[in-house]
Amino acid sequence: MPSTDANAASSPLHRLGRNLRNPFALGYLALCVALLVWTVVVSVMDDSGESMAGVVPVLATAPGSLVFLVLPDGKAMFFVAVAIGALVNASVIGWCVRALRRGNQADPTR
């Protein structure tokens, strides 16, 4: 029977956390937060209500955010869609960086 430490190390939440702690993933998340803050500031400053600033964070976090934008309309759902899209993309970025680093370590000629 495997130990609980081995199960904890291979759990999906542990892998997700390891992917999100990557500096590239954290940089992407910081960029997404900055874009979201910029969108809120521009939307508040725009008196006409015709600002297209909300498109920028949605496109920066696509395709994950696009999936959640089809849910009921509202400002809260916009933030949820962007947040989930950013977390999914950051996890993929972290996984890719880990896979690339692992590939370099396995090559004995380097």
C-alpha atoms as a PDB file:
ATOM      1  CA  MET A   1       0.000   0.000   0.000  1.00  0.00           C
ATOM      2  CA  PRO A   2       1.569   3.342  -0.990  1.00  0.00           C
ATOM      3  CA  SER A   3       2.308   5.894   1.669  1.00  0.00           C
ATOM      4  CA  THR A   4       0.166   8.989   2.114  1.00  0.00           C
ATOM      5  CA  ASP A   5       3.135  11.217   1.230  1.00  0.00           C
ATOM      6  CA  ALA A   6       3.331   9.647  -2.220  1.00  0.00           C
ATOM      7  CA  ASN A   7      -0.409  10.159  -2.703  1.00  0.00           C
ATOM      8  CA  ALA A   8      -0.166  13.787  -1.570  1.00  0.00           C
ATOM      9  CA  ALA A   9       2.721  14.476  -3.941  1.00  0.00           C
ATOM     10  CA  SER A  10       0.767  13.168  -6.904  1.00  0.00           C
ATOM     11  CA  SER A  11      -2.598  14.718  -6.049  1.00  0.00           C
ATOM     12  CA  PRO A  12      -4.061  17.101  -8.617  1.00  0.00           C
ATOM     13  CA  LEU A  13      -4.082  20.004  -6.149  1.00  0.00           C
ATOM     14  CA  HIS A  14      -0.409  19.473  -5.361  1.00  0.00           C
ATOM     15  CA  ARG A  15       0.488  19.441  -9.052  1.00  0.00           C
ATOM     16  CA  LEU A  16      -1.649  22.535  -9.651  1.00  0.00           C
ATOM     17  CA  GLY A  17       0.099  24.370  -6.824  1.00  0.00           C
ATOM     18  CA  ARG A  18       3.497  23.335  -8.146  1.00  0.00           C
ATOM     19  CA  ASN A  19       2.593  24.622 -11.604  1.00  0.00           C
ATOM     20  CA  LEU A  20       1.276  27.930 -10.258  1.00  0.00           C
ATOM     21  CA  ARG A  21       4.416  28.596  -8.167  1.00  0.00           C
ATOM     22  CA  ASN A  22       6.508  28.829 -11.299  1.00  0.00           C
ATOM     23  CA  PRO A  23       7.902  32.364 -11.918  1.00  0.00           C
ATOM     24  CA  PHE A  24       6.563  32.429 -15.480  1.00  0.00           C
ATOM     25  CA  ALA A  25       3.087  31.434 -14.298  1.00  0.00           C
ATOM     26  CA  LEU A  26       3.220  34.038 -11.526  1.00  0.00           C
ATOM     27  CA  GLY A  27       4.304  36.682 -14.029  1.00  0.00           C
ATOM     28  CA  TYR A  28       1.365  35.788 -16.264  1.00  0.00           C
ATOM     29  CA  LEU A  29      -1.029  36.009 -13.310  1.00  0.00           C
ATOM     30  CA  ALA A  30       0.396  39.425 -12.382  1.00  0.00           C
ATOM     31  CA  LEU A  31      -0.129  40.600 -15.957  1.00  0.00           C
ATOM     32  CA  CYS A  32      -3.736  39.382 -15.885  1.00  0.00           C
ATOM     33  CA  VAL A  33      -4.389  41.194 -12.597  1.00  0.00           C
ATOM     34  CA  ALA A  34      -2.874  44.383 -14.035  1.00  0.00           C
ATOM     35  CA  LEU A  35      -5.084  44.111 -17.119  1.00  0.00           C
ATOM     36  CA  LEU A  36      -8.150  43.549 -14.958  1.00  0.00           C
ATOM     37  CA  VAL A  37      -7.351  46.584 -12.791  1.00  0.00           C
ATOM     38  CA  TRP A  38      -6.755  48.662 -15.927  1.00  0.00           C
ATOM     39  CA  THR A  39     -10.125  47.552 -17.300  1.00  0.00           C
ATOM     40  CA  VAL A  40     -11.932  48.556 -14.119  1.00  0.00           C
ATOM     41  CA  VAL A  41     -10.222  51.965 -14.048  1.00  0.00           C
ATOM     42  CA  VAL A  42     -10.951  52.672 -17.712  1.00  0.00           C
ATOM     43  CA  SER A  43     -14.567  51.536 -17.371  1.00  0.00           C
ATOM     44  CA  VAL A  44     -15.139  53.743 -14.330  1.00  0.00           C
ATOM     45  CA  MET A  45     -13.552  56.762 -16.032  1.00  0.00           C
ATOM     46  CA  ASP A  46     -15.604  56.297 -19.212  1.00  0.00           C
ATOM     47  CA  ASP A  47     -18.850  58.234 -18.841  1.00  0.00           C
ATOM     48  CA  SER A  48     -20.482  56.932 -22.015  1.00  0.00           C
ATOM     49  CA  GLY A  49     -20.519  53.283 -20.917  1.00  0.00           C
ATOM     50  CA  GLU A  50     -19.218  52.177 -24.307  1.00  0.00           C
ATOM     51  CA  SER A  51     -15.744  51.085 -23.229  1.00  0.00           C
ATOM     52  CA  MET A  52     -14.327  48.024 -24.936  1.00  0.00           C
ATOM     53  CA  ALA A  53     -11.583  47.650 -22.313  1.00  0.00           C
ATOM     54  CA  GLY A  54     -13.175  44.444 -21.004  1.00  0.00           C
ATOM     55  CA  VAL A  55     -12.176  42.657 -24.189  1.00  0.00           C
ATOM     56  CA  VAL A  56      -8.455  42.873 -23.367  1.00  0.00           C
ATOM     57  CA  PRO A  57      -8.404  40.701 -20.211  1.00  0.00           C
ATOM     58  CA  VAL A  58     -10.846  38.248 -21.779  1.00  0.00           C
ATOM     59  CA  LEU A  59      -8.584  37.771 -24.782  1.00  0.00           C
ATOM     60  CA  ALA A  60      -5.495  37.576 -22.546  1.00  0.00           C
ATOM     61  CA  THR A  61      -7.072  34.706 -20.616  1.00  0.00           C
ATOM     62  CA  ALA A  62      -8.692  32.917 -23.573  1.00  0.00           C
ATOM     63  CA  PRO A  63      -9.735  30.149 -24.165  1.00  0.00           C
ATOM     64  CA  GLY A  64     -10.661  29.466 -20.535  1.00  0.00           C
ATOM     65  CA  SER A  65     -12.409  32.768 -20.001  1.00  0.00           C
ATOM     66  CA  LEU A  66     -14.445  32.385 -23.180  1.00  0.00           C
ATOM     67  CA  VAL A  67     -15.964  29.159 -21.877  1.00  0.00           C
ATOM     68  CA  PHE A  68     -17.255  30.868 -18.738  1.00  0.00           C
ATOM     69  CA  LEU A  69     -18.535  33.996 -20.473  1.00  0.00           C
ATOM     70  CA  VAL A  70     -21.497  32.021 -21.818  1.00  0.00           C
ATOM     71  CA  LEU A  71     -22.822  31.662 -18.261  1.00  0.00           C
ATOM     72  CA  PRO A  72     -25.372  34.182 -16.934  1.00  0.00           C
ATOM     73  CA  ASP A  73     -24.464  37.768 -17.685  1.00  0.00           C
ATOM     74  CA  GLY A  74     -23.170  40.139 -15.062  1.00  0.00           C
ATOM     75  CA  LYS A  75     -20.101  41.909 -13.778  1.00  0.00           C
ATOM     76  CA  ALA A  76     -19.357  39.174 -11.269  1.00  0.00           C
ATOM     77  CA  MET A  77     -19.345  36.504 -13.981  1.00  0.00           C
ATOM     78  CA  PHE A  78     -16.896  38.615 -16.000  1.00  0.00           C
ATOM     79  CA  PHE A  79     -14.436  38.600 -13.086  1.00  0.00           C
ATOM     80  CA  VAL A  80     -14.976  34.878 -12.446  1.00  0.00           C
ATOM     81  CA  ALA A  81     -14.417  34.065 -16.130  1.00  0.00           C
ATOM     82  CA  VAL A  82     -11.185  36.068 -16.273  1.00  0.00           C
ATOM     83  CA  ALA A  83      -9.932  34.596 -12.987  1.00  0.00           C
ATOM     84  CA  ILE A  84     -10.613  30.991 -13.997  1.00  0.00           C
ATOM     85  CA  GLY A  85      -9.132  31.554 -17.456  1.00  0.00           C
ATOM     86  CA  ALA A  86      -6.007  33.091 -15.927  1.00  0.00           C
ATOM     87  CA  LEU A  87      -5.569  30.216 -13.463  1.00  0.00           C
ATOM     88  CA  VAL A  88      -6.005  27.582 -16.163  1.00  0.00           C
ATOM     89  CA  ASN A  89      -3.542  29.302 -18.496  1.00  0.00           C
ATOM     90  CA  ALA A  90      -1.024  29.905 -15.698  1.00  0.00           C
ATOM     91  CA  SER A  91      -1.206  26.232 -14.760  1.00  0.00           C
ATOM     92  CA  VAL A  92      -0.528  25.243 -18.372  1.00  0.00           C
ATOM     93  CA  ILE A  93       2.397  27.693 -18.529  1.00  0.00           C
ATOM     94  CA  GLY A  94       3.861  26.242 -15.319  1.00  0.00           C
ATOM     95  CA  TRP A  95       3.413  22.689 -16.593  1.00  0.00           C
ATOM     96  CA  CYS A  96       5.137  23.549 -19.886  1.00  0.00           C
ATOM     97  CA  VAL A  97       8.085  25.153 -18.115  1.00  0.00           C
ATOM     98  CA  ARG A  98       8.460  22.126 -15.831  1.00  0.00           C
ATOM     99  CA  ALA A  99       8.290  19.765 -18.811  1.00  0.00           C
ATOM    100  CA  LEU A 100      10.899  21.746 -20.726  1.00  0.00           C
ATOM    101  CA  ARG A 101      13.236  21.853 -17.724  1.00  0.00           C
ATOM    102  CA  ARG A 102      12.795  18.137 -17.164  1.00  0.00           C
ATOM    103  CA  GLY A 103      13.702  17.526 -20.813  1.00  0.00           C
ATOM    104  CA  ASN A 104      16.951  19.461 -20.428  1.00  0.00           C
ATOM    105  CA  GLN A 105      17.914  17.502 -17.310  1.00  0.00           C
ATOM    106  CA  ALA A 106      17.312  14.157 -19.002  1.00  0.00           C
ATOM    107  CA  ASP A 107      19.664  14.960 -21.909  1.00  0.00           C
ATOM    108  CA  PRO A 108      23.180  13.697 -20.888  1.00  0.00           C
ATOM    109  CA  THR A 109      24.926  15.681 -23.659  1.00  0.00           C
ATOM    110  CA  ARG A 110      24.045  19.035 -22.093  1.00  0.00           C
END
